[in-house]
């Protein structure tokens, strides 16, 4: 059997076969915590201070890399600054409820057919 290499959420063996990831019982850590600090790369010392100030203000854990020869990567910071809002599901129209189009007919006889 070949050596296992982890790629994304699937395991690959040297033979190229894929197998689904096995749940190990551990929760994934939230971004910006001790277990999973946000990692950003910037080009200047001034930018390091700006980014660090934002992380400190919010109380997030982080790692800042100063790499002048590489493009800036602040993806983790952007993710933390724009959190996802939960989706709100709308109520479904029942078959025998009045049609939402305003015709006065039952939904099943109007728009539900």
PDB file of N, CA and C in Angstrom:
ATOM      1  N   UNK A   1       0.840  -1.167   0.000  1.00  0.00           N
ATOM      2  CA  UNK A   1       0.000   0.000   0.000  1.00  0.00           C
ATOM      3  C   UNK A   1       0.886   1.232   0.000  1.00  0.00           C
ATOM      4  N   UNK A   2       0.487   2.262  -0.740  1.00  0.00           N
ATOM      5  CA  UNK A   2       1.291   3.466  -0.879  1.00  0.00           C
ATOM      6  C   UNK A   2       1.200   4.390   0.310  1.00  0.00           C
ATOM      7  N   UNK A   3       2.064   5.364   0.341  1.00  0.00           N
ATOM      8  CA  UNK A   3       2.073   6.383   1.389  1.00  0.00           C
ATOM      9  C   UNK A   3       0.857   7.278   1.238  1.00  0.00           C
ATOM     10  N   UNK A   4       0.197   7.660   2.334  1.00  0.00           N
ATOM     11  CA  UNK A   4      -1.003   8.499   2.264  1.00  0.00           C
ATOM     12  C   UNK A   4      -0.623   9.971   2.243  1.00  0.00           C
ATOM     13  N   UNK A   5      -1.252  10.710   1.351  1.00  0.00           N
ATOM     14  CA  UNK A   5      -1.039  12.141   1.237  1.00  0.00           C
ATOM     15  C   UNK A   5      -2.396  12.805   1.388  1.00  0.00           C
ATOM     16  N   UNK A   6      -2.519  13.776   2.288  1.00  0.00           N
ATOM     17  CA  UNK A   6      -3.791  14.459   2.493  1.00  0.00           C
ATOM     18  C   UNK A   6      -3.889  15.643   1.549  1.00  0.00           C
ATOM     19  N   UNK A   7      -4.980  15.674   0.776  1.00  0.00           N
ATOM     20  CA  UNK A   7      -5.221  16.763  -0.166  1.00  0.00           C
ATOM     21  C   UNK A   7      -6.627  17.263   0.081  1.00  0.00           C
ATOM     22  N   UNK A   8      -6.765  18.475   0.602  1.00  0.00           N
ATOM     23  CA  UNK A   8      -8.084  19.027   0.868  1.00  0.00           C
ATOM     24  C   UNK A   8      -8.827  18.171   1.861  1.00  0.00           C
ATOM     25  N   UNK A   9     -10.024  17.694   1.479  1.00  0.00           N
ATOM     26  CA  UNK A   9     -10.805  16.872   2.398  1.00  0.00           C
ATOM     27  C   UNK A   9     -10.808  15.417   1.977  1.00  0.00           C
ATOM     28  N   UNK A  10      -9.915  15.023   1.085  1.00  0.00           N
ATOM     29  CA  UNK A  10      -9.840  13.635   0.644  1.00  0.00           C
ATOM     30  C   UNK A  10      -8.418  13.127   0.811  1.00  0.00           C
ATOM     31  N   UNK A  11      -8.287  11.832   1.021  1.00  0.00           N
ATOM     32  CA  UNK A  11      -6.969  11.204   1.123  1.00  0.00           C
ATOM     33  C   UNK A  11      -6.637  10.606  -0.239  1.00  0.00           C
ATOM     34  N   UNK A  12      -5.368  10.706  -0.606  1.00  0.00           N
ATOM     35  CA  UNK A  12      -4.917  10.068  -1.842  1.00  0.00           C
ATOM     36  C   UNK A  12      -3.773   9.126  -1.494  1.00  0.00           C
ATOM     37  N   UNK A  13      -3.733   8.028  -2.173  1.00  0.00           N
ATOM     38  CA  UNK A  13      -2.601   7.133  -2.015  1.00  0.00           C
ATOM     39  C   UNK A  13      -1.761   7.265  -3.269  1.00  0.00           C
ATOM     40  N   UNK A  14      -0.575   6.726  -3.242  1.00  0.00           N
ATOM     41  CA  UNK A  14       0.292   6.844  -4.413  1.00  0.00           C
ATOM     42  C   UNK A  14      -0.332   6.234  -5.659  1.00  0.00           C
ATOM     43  N   UNK A  15      -1.203   5.240  -5.483  1.00  0.00           N
ATOM     44  CA  UNK A  15      -1.848   4.603  -6.626  1.00  0.00           C
ATOM     45  C   UNK A  15      -2.895   5.482  -7.287  1.00  0.00           C
ATOM     46  N   UNK A  16      -3.256   6.633  -6.688  1.00  0.00           N
ATOM     47  CA  UNK A  16      -4.217   7.543  -7.283  1.00  0.00           C
ATOM     48  C   UNK A  16      -5.652   7.311  -6.837  1.00  0.00           C
ATOM     49  N   UNK A  17      -5.897   6.260  -6.060  1.00  0.00           N
ATOM     50  CA  UNK A  17      -7.263   5.979  -5.618  1.00  0.00           C
ATOM     51  C   UNK A  17      -7.653   6.961  -4.521  1.00  0.00           C
ATOM     52  N   UNK A  18      -8.939   7.324  -4.466  1.00  0.00           N
ATOM     53  CA  UNK A  18      -9.428   8.268  -3.470  1.00  0.00           C
ATOM     54  C   UNK A  18     -10.308   7.540  -2.466  1.00  0.00           C
ATOM     55  N   UNK A  19     -10.239   8.000  -1.223  1.00  0.00           N
ATOM     56  CA  UNK A  19     -11.138   7.481  -0.208  1.00  0.00           C
ATOM     57  C   UNK A  19     -11.653   8.669   0.599  1.00  0.00           C
ATOM     58  N   UNK A  20     -12.895   8.624   1.081  1.00  0.00           N
ATOM     59  CA  UNK A  20     -13.437   9.758   1.820  1.00  0.00           C
ATOM     60  C   UNK A  20     -12.727   9.951   3.154  1.00  0.00           C
ATOM     61  N   UNK A  21     -12.690  11.199   3.635  1.00  0.00           N
ATOM     62  CA  UNK A  21     -12.048  11.503   4.901  1.00  0.00           C
ATOM     63  C   UNK A  21     -12.825  10.847   6.040  1.00  0.00           C
ATOM     64  N   UNK A  22     -12.118  10.261   6.967  1.00  0.00           N
ATOM     65  CA  UNK A  22     -12.719   9.602   8.110  1.00  0.00           C
ATOM     66  C   UNK A  22     -12.872  10.629   9.222  1.00  0.00           C
ATOM     67  N   UNK A  23     -14.066  10.692   9.831  1.00  0.00           N
ATOM     68  CA  UNK A  23     -14.316  11.625  10.921  1.00  0.00           C
ATOM     69  C   UNK A  23     -13.528  11.179  12.135  1.00  0.00           C
ATOM     70  N   UNK A  24     -12.693  12.065  12.664  1.00  0.00           N
ATOM     71  CA  UNK A  24     -11.845  11.707  13.793  1.00  0.00           C
ATOM     72  C   UNK A  24     -12.409  12.134  15.144  1.00  0.00           C
ATOM     73  N   UNK A  25     -13.616  12.723  15.171  1.00  0.00           N
ATOM     74  CA  UNK A  25     -14.250  13.100  16.419  1.00  0.00           C
ATOM     75  C   UNK A  25     -13.883  14.474  16.922  1.00  0.00           C
ATOM     76  N   UNK A  26     -12.971  15.168  16.269  1.00  0.00           N
ATOM     77  CA  UNK A  26     -12.563  16.493  16.707  1.00  0.00           C
ATOM     78  C   UNK A  26     -13.240  17.557  15.855  1.00  0.00           C
ATOM     79  N   UNK A  27     -13.653  18.633  16.502  1.00  0.00           N
ATOM     80  CA  UNK A  27     -14.259  19.750  15.782  1.00  0.00           C
ATOM     81  C   UNK A  27     -13.164  20.583  15.134  1.00  0.00           C
ATOM     82  N   UNK A  28     -13.494  21.219  14.020  1.00  0.00           N
ATOM     83  CA  UNK A  28     -12.533  22.121  13.410  1.00  0.00           C
ATOM     84  C   UNK A  28     -12.526  23.417  14.204  1.00  0.00           C
ATOM     85  N   UNK A  29     -11.366  23.989  14.386  1.00  0.00           N
ATOM     86  CA  UNK A  29     -11.227  25.201  15.186  1.00  0.00           C
ATOM     87  C   UNK A  29     -11.716  26.417  14.406  1.00  0.00           C
ATOM     88  N   UNK A  30     -12.216  27.390  15.129  1.00  0.00           N
ATOM     89  CA  UNK A  30     -12.696  28.624  14.546  1.00  0.00           C
ATOM     90  C   UNK A  30     -11.495  29.499  14.175  1.00  0.00           C
ATOM     91  N   UNK A  31     -11.569  30.160  13.037  1.00  0.00           N
ATOM     92  CA  UNK A  31     -10.499  31.030  12.562  1.00  0.00           C
ATOM     93  C   UNK A  31     -10.298  32.183  13.533  1.00  0.00           C
ATOM     94  N   UNK A  32      -9.049  32.493  13.852  1.00  0.00           N
ATOM     95  CA  UNK A  32      -8.732  33.590  14.751  1.00  0.00           C
ATOM     96  C   UNK A  32      -8.594  33.178  16.205  1.00  0.00           C
ATOM     97  N   UNK A  33      -8.512  31.854  16.465  1.00  0.00           N
ATOM     98  CA  UNK A  33      -8.345  31.356  17.828  1.00  0.00           C
ATOM     99  C   UNK A  33      -6.940  30.782  18.002  1.00  0.00           C
ATOM    100  N   UNK A  34      -6.631  30.358  19.227  1.00  0.00           N
ATOM    101  CA  UNK A  34      -5.315  29.769  19.518  1.00  0.00           C
ATOM    102  C   UNK A  34      -5.026  28.562  18.627  1.00  0.00           C
ATOM    103  N   UNK A  35      -6.031  27.702  18.448  1.00  0.00           N
ATOM    104  CA  UNK A  35      -5.834  26.488  17.652  1.00  0.00           C
ATOM    105  C   UNK A  35      -5.708  26.770  16.162  1.00  0.00           C
ATOM    106  N   UNK A  36      -6.349  27.837  15.687  1.00  0.00           N
ATOM    107  CA  UNK A  36      -6.310  28.161  14.260  1.00  0.00           C
ATOM    108  C   UNK A  36      -6.173  29.677  14.080  1.00  0.00           C
ATOM    109  N   UNK A  37      -4.959  30.201  14.263  1.00  0.00           N
ATOM    110  CA  UNK A  37      -4.785  31.641  14.099  1.00  0.00           C
ATOM    111  C   UNK A  37      -4.883  32.043  12.624  1.00  0.00           C
ATOM    112  N   UNK A  38      -5.302  33.280  12.406  1.00  0.00           N
ATOM    113  CA  UNK A  38      -5.366  33.800  11.042  1.00  0.00           C
ATOM    114  C   UNK A  38      -3.938  34.045  10.557  1.00  0.00           C
ATOM    115  N   UNK A  39      -3.656  33.694   9.316  1.00  0.00           N
ATOM    116  CA  UNK A  39      -2.320  33.862   8.750  1.00  0.00           C
ATOM    117  C   UNK A  39      -2.421  34.832   7.578  1.00  0.00           C
ATOM    118  N   UNK A  40      -1.639  35.917   7.649  1.00  0.00           N
ATOM    119  CA  UNK A  40      -1.611  36.911   6.575  1.00  0.00           C
ATOM    120  C   UNK A  40      -0.163  37.186   6.180  1.00  0.00           C
ATOM    121  N   UNK A  41       0.033  37.603   4.930  1.00  0.00           N
ATOM    122  CA  UNK A  41       1.357  37.949   4.416  1.00  0.00           C
ATOM    123  C   UNK A  41       1.267  39.349   3.826  1.00  0.00           C
ATOM    124  N   UNK A  42       2.173  40.225   4.256  1.00  0.00           N
ATOM    125  CA  UNK A  42       2.196  41.601   3.771  1.00  0.00           C
ATOM    126  C   UNK A  42       3.591  41.943   3.262  1.00  0.00           C
ATOM    127  N   UNK A  43       3.694  43.116   2.589  1.00  0.00           N
ATOM    128  CA  UNK A  43       4.949  43.467   1.938  1.00  0.00           C
ATOM    129  C   UNK A  43       5.779  44.501   2.693  1.00  0.00           C
ATOM    130  N   UNK A  44       5.161  45.319   3.542  1.00  0.00           N
ATOM    131  CA  UNK A  44       5.908  46.382   4.213  1.00  0.00           C
ATOM    132  C   UNK A  44       5.725  46.326   5.725  1.00  0.00           C
ATOM    133  N   UNK A  45       6.685  46.938   6.425  1.00  0.00           N
ATOM    134  CA  UNK A  45       6.642  47.013   7.887  1.00  0.00           C
ATOM    135  C   UNK A  45       5.448  47.852   8.344  1.00  0.00           C
ATOM    136  N   UNK A  46       5.126  48.902   7.581  1.00  0.00           N
ATOM    137  CA  UNK A  46       3.977  49.756   7.904  1.00  0.00           C
ATOM    138  C   UNK A  46       2.673  48.964   7.830  1.00  0.00           C
ATOM    139  N   UNK A  47       2.567  48.125   6.829  1.00  0.00           N
ATOM    140  CA  UNK A  47       1.365  47.306   6.651  1.00  0.00           C
ATOM    141  C   UNK A  47       1.247  46.267   7.783  1.00  0.00           C
ATOM    142  N   UNK A  48       2.376  45.770   8.278  1.00  0.00           N
ATOM    143  CA  UNK A  48       2.367  44.826   9.397  1.00  0.00           C
ATOM    144  C   UNK A  48       1.711  45.491  10.606  1.00  0.00           C
ATOM    145  N   UNK A  49       2.073  46.767  10.859  1.00  0.00           N
ATOM    146  CA  UNK A  49       1.509  47.494  11.992  1.00  0.00           C
ATOM    147  C   UNK A  49       0.009  47.707  11.820  1.00  0.00           C
ATOM    148  N   UNK A  50      -0.424  48.054  10.595  1.00  0.00           N
ATOM    149  CA  UNK A  50      -1.851  48.276  10.330  1.00  0.00           C
ATOM    150  C   UNK A  50      -2.665  46.999  10.577  1.00  0.00           C
ATOM    151  N   UNK A  51      -2.210  45.906   9.994  1.00  0.00           N
ATOM    152  CA  UNK A  51      -2.920  44.629  10.097  1.00  0.00           C
ATOM    153  C   UNK A  51      -2.908  44.130  11.544  1.00  0.00           C
ATOM    154  N   UNK A  52      -1.771  44.256  12.218  1.00  0.00           N
ATOM    155  CA  UNK A  52      -1.668  43.824  13.613  1.00  0.00           C
ATOM    156  C   UNK A  52      -2.621  44.612  14.501  1.00  0.00           C
ATOM    157  N   UNK A  53      -2.758  45.909  14.236  1.00  0.00           N
ATOM    158  CA  UNK A  53      -3.660  46.744  15.028  1.00  0.00           C
ATOM    159  C   UNK A  53      -5.107  46.264  14.900  1.00  0.00           C
ATOM    160  N   UNK A  54      -5.511  45.864  13.698  1.00  0.00           N
ATOM    161  CA  UNK A  54      -6.874  45.365  13.472  1.00  0.00           C
ATOM    162  C   UNK A  54      -7.094  44.081  14.257  1.00  0.00           C
ATOM    163  N   UNK A  55      -6.135  43.155  14.180  1.00  0.00           N
ATOM    164  CA  UNK A  55      -6.250  41.891  14.911  1.00  0.00           C
ATOM    165  C   UNK A  55      -6.299  42.124  16.419  1.00  0.00           C
ATOM    166  N   UNK A  56      -5.445  43.010  16.926  1.00  0.00           N
ATOM    167  CA  UNK A  56      -5.396  43.297  18.359  1.00  0.00           C
ATOM    168  C   UNK A  56      -6.703  43.921  18.837  1.00  0.00           C
ATOM    169  N   UNK A  57      -7.247  44.840  18.038  1.00  0.00           N
ATOM    170  CA  UNK A  57      -8.503  45.515  18.393  1.00  0.00           C
ATOM    171  C   UNK A  57      -9.650  44.518  18.538  1.00  0.00           C
ATOM    172  N   UNK A  58      -9.697  43.545  17.645  1.00  0.00           N
ATOM    173  CA  UNK A  58     -10.777  42.554  17.649  1.00  0.00           C
ATOM    174  C   UNK A  58     -10.514  41.385  18.597  1.00  0.00           C
ATOM    175  N   UNK A  59      -9.256  41.235  19.063  1.00  0.00           N
ATOM    176  CA  UNK A  59      -8.925  40.147  19.976  1.00  0.00           C
ATOM    177  C   UNK A  59      -8.708  38.814  19.282  1.00  0.00           C
ATOM    178  N   UNK A  60      -8.389  38.833  17.994  1.00  0.00           N
ATOM    179  CA  UNK A  60      -8.154  37.604  17.239  1.00  0.00           C
ATOM    180  C   UNK A  60      -6.684  37.215  17.328  1.00  0.00           C
ATOM    181  N   UNK A  61      -6.412  35.924  17.293  1.00  0.00           N
ATOM    182  CA  UNK A  61      -5.040  35.415  17.258  1.00  0.00           C
ATOM    183  C   UNK A  61      -4.595  35.408  15.799  1.00  0.00           C
ATOM    184  N   UNK A  62      -3.312  35.726  15.562  1.00  0.00           N
ATOM    185  CA  UNK A  62      -2.865  35.877  14.184  1.00  0.00           C
ATOM    186  C   UNK A  62      -1.371  35.621  14.046  1.00  0.00           C
ATOM    187  N   UNK A  63      -0.953  35.428  12.787  1.00  0.00           N
ATOM    188  CA  UNK A  63       0.450  35.319  12.416  1.00  0.00           C
ATOM    189  C   UNK A  63       0.619  36.204  11.189  1.00  0.00           C
ATOM    190  N   UNK A  64       1.550  37.151  11.275  1.00  0.00           N
ATOM    191  CA  UNK A  64       1.802  38.057  10.150  1.00  0.00           C
ATOM    192  C   UNK A  64       3.174  37.745   9.587  1.00  0.00           C
ATOM    193  N   UNK A  65       3.223  37.496   8.281  1.00  0.00           N
ATOM    194  CA  UNK A  65       4.492  37.248   7.618  1.00  0.00           C
ATOM    195  C   UNK A  65       4.877  38.450   6.771  1.00  0.00           C
ATOM    196  N   UNK A  66       6.104  38.941   6.941  1.00  0.00           N
ATOM    197  CA  UNK A  66       6.615  40.062   6.155  1.00  0.00           C
ATOM    198  C   UNK A  66       7.411  39.499   4.984  1.00  0.00           C
ATOM    199  N   UNK A  67       6.844  39.594   3.787  1.00  0.00           N
ATOM    200  CA  UNK A  67       7.473  39.050   2.583  1.00  0.00           C
ATOM    201  C   UNK A  67       7.420  40.101   1.487  1.00  0.00           C
ATOM    202  N   UNK A  68       8.450  40.959   1.377  1.00  0.00           N
ATOM    203  CA  UNK A  68       8.436  42.059   0.404  1.00  0.00           C
ATOM    204  C   UNK A  68       8.416  41.619  -1.061  1.00  0.00           C
ATOM    205  N   UNK A  69       8.893  40.408  -1.349  1.00  0.00           N
ATOM    206  CA  UNK A  69       8.977  39.957  -2.735  1.00  0.00           C
ATOM    207  C   UNK A  69       7.760  39.178  -3.201  1.00  0.00           C
ATOM    208  N   UNK A  70       6.768  38.966  -2.322  1.00  0.00           N
ATOM    209  CA  UNK A  70       5.563  38.223  -2.695  1.00  0.00           C
ATOM    210  C   UNK A  70       4.348  39.138  -2.609  1.00  0.00           C
ATOM    211  N   UNK A  71       3.271  38.825  -3.345  1.00  0.00           N
ATOM    212  CA  UNK A  71       2.056  39.654  -3.272  1.00  0.00           C
ATOM    213  C   UNK A  71       1.379  39.516  -1.904  1.00  0.00           C
ATOM    214  N   UNK A  72       0.681  40.582  -1.500  1.00  0.00           N
ATOM    215  CA  UNK A  72      -0.003  40.595  -0.210  1.00  0.00           C
ATOM    216  C   UNK A  72      -1.155  39.599  -0.206  1.00  0.00           C
ATOM    217  N   UNK A  73      -1.303  38.876   0.906  1.00  0.00           N
ATOM    218  CA  UNK A  73      -2.395  37.916   1.065  1.00  0.00           C
ATOM    219  C   UNK A  73      -3.027  38.120   2.440  1.00  0.00           C
ATOM    220  N   UNK A  74      -4.191  38.796   2.476  1.00  0.00           N
ATOM    221  CA  UNK A  74      -4.888  39.043   3.741  1.00  0.00           C
ATOM    222  C   UNK A  74      -6.275  38.395   3.710  1.00  0.00           C
ATOM    223  N   UNK A  75      -6.375  37.263   3.053  1.00  0.00           N
ATOM    224  CA  UNK A  75      -7.646  36.557   2.899  1.00  0.00           C
ATOM    225  C   UNK A  75      -8.276  36.213   4.247  1.00  0.00           C
ATOM    226  N   UNK A  76      -7.478  35.697   5.187  1.00  0.00           N
ATOM    227  CA  UNK A  76      -8.024  35.326   6.499  1.00  0.00           C
ATOM    228  C   UNK A  76      -8.604  36.537   7.225  1.00  0.00           C
ATOM    229  N   UNK A  77      -7.950  37.686   7.122  1.00  0.00           N
ATOM    230  CA  UNK A  77      -8.455  38.907   7.758  1.00  0.00           C
ATOM    231  C   UNK A  77      -9.780  39.326   7.131  1.00  0.00           C
ATOM    232  N   UNK A  78      -9.870  39.245   5.806  1.00  0.00           N
ATOM    233  CA  UNK A  78     -11.113  39.604   5.117  1.00  0.00           C
ATOM    234  C   UNK A  78     -12.256  38.675   5.525  1.00  0.00           C
ATOM    235  N   UNK A  79     -11.968  37.400   5.700  1.00  0.00           N
ATOM    236  CA  UNK A  79     -12.991  36.436   6.123  1.00  0.00           C
ATOM    237  C   UNK A  79     -13.496  36.795   7.517  1.00  0.00           C
ATOM    238  N   UNK A  80     -12.582  37.141   8.419  1.00  0.00           N
ATOM    239  CA  UNK A  80     -12.973  37.494   9.785  1.00  0.00           C
ATOM    240  C   UNK A  80     -13.762  38.803   9.834  1.00  0.00           C
ATOM    241  N   UNK A  81     -13.434  39.745   8.963  1.00  0.00           N
ATOM    242  CA  UNK A  81     -14.116  41.038   8.977  1.00  0.00           C
ATOM    243  C   UNK A  81     -15.505  40.987   8.354  1.00  0.00           C
ATOM    244  N   UNK A  82     -15.754  40.015   7.478  1.00  0.00           N
ATOM    245  CA  UNK A  82     -17.067  39.891   6.844  1.00  0.00           C
ATOM    246  C   UNK A  82     -17.656  38.520   7.163  1.00  0.00           C
ATOM    247  N   UNK A  83     -18.206  38.341   8.362  1.00  0.00           N
ATOM    248  CA  UNK A  83     -18.757  37.033   8.731  1.00  0.00           C
ATOM    249  C   UNK A  83     -20.005  36.706   7.917  1.00  0.00           C
ATOM    250  N   UNK A  84     -20.229  35.418   7.733  1.00  0.00           N
ATOM    251  CA  UNK A  84     -21.400  34.963   7.005  1.00  0.00           C
ATOM    252  C   UNK A  84     -22.640  35.109   7.869  1.00  0.00           C
ATOM    253  N   UNK A  85     -23.719  35.580   7.273  1.00  0.00           N
ATOM    254  CA  UNK A  85     -24.984  35.693   7.991  1.00  0.00           C
ATOM    255  C   UNK A  85     -25.809  34.445   7.708  1.00  0.00           C
ATOM    256  N   UNK A  86     -26.494  33.925   8.707  1.00  0.00           N
ATOM    257  CA  UNK A  86     -27.306  32.728   8.472  1.00  0.00           C
ATOM    258  C   UNK A  86     -28.458  33.016   7.522  1.00  0.00           C
ATOM    259  N   UNK A  87     -28.746  32.053   6.678  1.00  0.00           N
ATOM    260  CA  UNK A  87     -29.853  32.209   5.734  1.00  0.00           C
ATOM    261  C   UNK A  87     -31.173  31.968   6.453  1.00  0.00           C
ATOM    262  N   UNK A  88     -32.169  32.727   6.104  1.00  0.00           N
ATOM    263  CA  UNK A  88     -33.496  32.581   6.687  1.00  0.00           C
ATOM    264  C   UNK A  88     -34.399  31.955   5.636  1.00  0.00           C
ATOM    265  N   UNK A  89     -34.949  30.792   5.957  1.00  0.00           N
ATOM    266  CA  UNK A  89     -35.825  30.096   5.020  1.00  0.00           C
ATOM    267  C   UNK A  89     -37.222  30.712   5.071  1.00  0.00           C
ATOM    268  N   UNK A  90     -37.809  30.918   3.897  1.00  0.00           N
ATOM    269  CA  UNK A  90     -39.164  31.448   3.838  1.00  0.00           C
ATOM    270  C   UNK A  90     -40.154  30.310   4.058  1.00  0.00           C
ATOM    271  N   UNK A  91     -41.330  30.662   4.561  1.00  0.00           N
ATOM    272  CA  UNK A  91     -42.359  29.654   4.771  1.00  0.00           C
ATOM    273  C   UNK A  91     -42.883  29.167   3.431  1.00  0.00           C
ATOM    274  N   UNK A  92     -43.077  27.870   3.311  1.00  0.00           N
ATOM    275  CA  UNK A  92     -43.620  27.300   2.084  1.00  0.00           C
ATOM    276  C   UNK A  92     -45.127  27.493   2.055  1.00  0.00           C
ATOM    277  N   UNK A  93     -45.651  27.619   0.865  1.00  0.00           N
ATOM    278  CA  UNK A  93     -47.098  27.736   0.691  1.00  0.00           C
ATOM    279  C   UNK A  93     -47.673  26.330   0.652  1.00  0.00           C
ATOM    280  N   UNK A  94     -48.659  26.069   1.503  1.00  0.00           N
ATOM    281  CA  UNK A  94     -49.310  24.761   1.516  1.00  0.00           C
ATOM    282  C   UNK A  94     -50.249  24.611   0.324  1.00  0.00           C
ATOM    283  N   UNK A  95     -50.551  23.391  -0.054  1.00  0.00           N
ATOM    284  CA  UNK A  95     -51.417  23.146  -1.212  1.00  0.00           C
ATOM    285  C   UNK A  95     -52.788  23.795  -1.061  1.00  0.00           C
ATOM    286  N   UNK A  96     -53.333  23.795   0.153  1.00  0.00           N
ATOM    287  CA  UNK A  96     -54.681  24.323   0.361  1.00  0.00           C
ATOM    288  C   UNK A  96     -54.705  25.762   0.869  1.00  0.00           C
ATOM    289  N   UNK A  97     -53.554  26.396   0.958  1.00  0.00           N
ATOM    290  CA  UNK A  97     -53.493  27.802   1.370  1.00  0.00           C
ATOM    291  C   UNK A  97     -53.870  28.698   0.200  1.00  0.00           C
ATOM    292  N   UNK A  98     -54.320  29.931   0.486  1.00  0.00           N
ATOM    293  CA  UNK A  98     -54.605  30.860  -0.612  1.00  0.00           C
ATOM    294  C   UNK A  98     -53.328  31.133  -1.410  1.00  0.00           C
ATOM    295  N   UNK A  99     -53.461  31.301  -2.698  1.00  0.00           N
ATOM    296  CA  UNK A  99     -52.308  31.520  -3.579  1.00  0.00           C
ATOM    297  C   UNK A  99     -51.684  32.889  -3.282  1.00  0.00           C
ATOM    298  N   UNK A 100     -50.346  32.960  -3.206  1.00  0.00           N
ATOM    299  CA  UNK A 100     -49.686  34.231  -2.917  1.00  0.00           C
ATOM    300  C   UNK A 100     -49.789  35.251  -4.054  1.00  0.00           C
ATOM    301  N   UNK A 101     -50.271  34.838  -5.227  1.00  0.00           N
ATOM    302  CA  UNK A 101     -50.392  35.781  -6.343  1.00  0.00           C
ATOM    303  C   UNK A 101     -51.587  36.720  -6.157  1.00  0.00           C
ATOM    304  N   UNK A 102     -52.487  36.392  -5.209  1.00  0.00           N
ATOM    305  CA  UNK A 102     -53.618  37.276  -4.921  1.00  0.00           C
ATOM    306  C   UNK A 102     -54.883  36.962  -5.696  1.00  0.00           C
ATOM    307  N   UNK A 103     -54.957  35.829  -6.371  1.00  0.00           N
ATOM    308  CA  UNK A 103     -56.136  35.478  -7.170  1.00  0.00           C
ATOM    309  C   UNK A 103     -57.328  35.069  -6.299  1.00  0.00           C
ATOM    310  N   UNK A 104     -57.075  34.643  -5.060  1.00  0.00           N
ATOM    311  CA  UNK A 104     -58.138  34.179  -4.181  1.00  0.00           C
ATOM    312  C   UNK A 104     -58.375  32.687  -4.284  1.00  0.00           C
ATOM    313  N   UNK A 105     -57.760  32.038  -5.269  1.00  0.00           N
ATOM    314  CA  UNK A 105     -57.894  30.585  -5.416  1.00  0.00           C
ATOM    315  C   UNK A 105     -56.919  29.874  -4.497  1.00  0.00           C
ATOM    316  N   UNK A 106     -57.168  28.566  -4.306  1.00  0.00           N
ATOM    317  CA  UNK A 106     -56.204  27.764  -3.571  1.00  0.00           C
ATOM    318  C   UNK A 106     -54.937  27.644  -4.419  1.00  0.00           C
ATOM    319  N   UNK A 107     -53.805  27.522  -3.735  1.00  0.00           N
ATOM    320  CA  UNK A 107     -52.521  27.420  -4.421  1.00  0.00           C
ATOM    321  C   UNK A 107     -52.485  26.248  -5.398  1.00  0.00           C
ATOM    322  N   UNK A 108     -53.090  25.091  -4.999  1.00  0.00           N
ATOM    323  CA  UNK A 108     -53.047  23.897  -5.850  1.00  0.00           C
ATOM    324  C   UNK A 108     -53.838  24.071  -7.133  1.00  0.00           C
ATOM    325  N   UNK A 109     -54.843  24.984  -7.148  1.00  0.00           N
ATOM    326  CA  UNK A 109     -55.678  25.205  -8.332  1.00  0.00           C
ATOM    327  C   UNK A 109     -55.155  26.365  -9.174  1.00  0.00           C
ATOM    328  N   UNK A 110     -54.234  27.135  -8.621  1.00  0.00           N
ATOM    329  CA  UNK A 110     -53.764  28.338  -9.321  1.00  0.00           C
ATOM    330  C   UNK A 110     -52.306  28.140  -9.810  1.00  0.00           C
ATOM    331  N   UNK A 111     -51.380  28.616  -9.032  1.00  0.00           N
ATOM    332  CA  UNK A 111     -49.950  28.579  -9.418  1.00  0.00           C
ATOM    333  C   UNK A 111     -49.257  27.262  -9.072  1.00  0.00           C
ATOM    334  N   UNK A 112     -49.865  26.415  -8.277  1.00  0.00           N
ATOM    335  CA  UNK A 112     -49.245  25.170  -7.859  1.00  0.00           C
ATOM    336  C   UNK A 112     -49.467  24.011  -8.789  1.00  0.00           C
ATOM    337  N   UNK A 113     -50.153  24.227  -9.892  1.00  0.00           N
ATOM    338  CA  UNK A 113     -50.446  23.099 -10.792  1.00  0.00           C
ATOM    339  C   UNK A 113     -49.383  22.899 -11.825  1.00  0.00           C
TER     340      UNK A 113
END
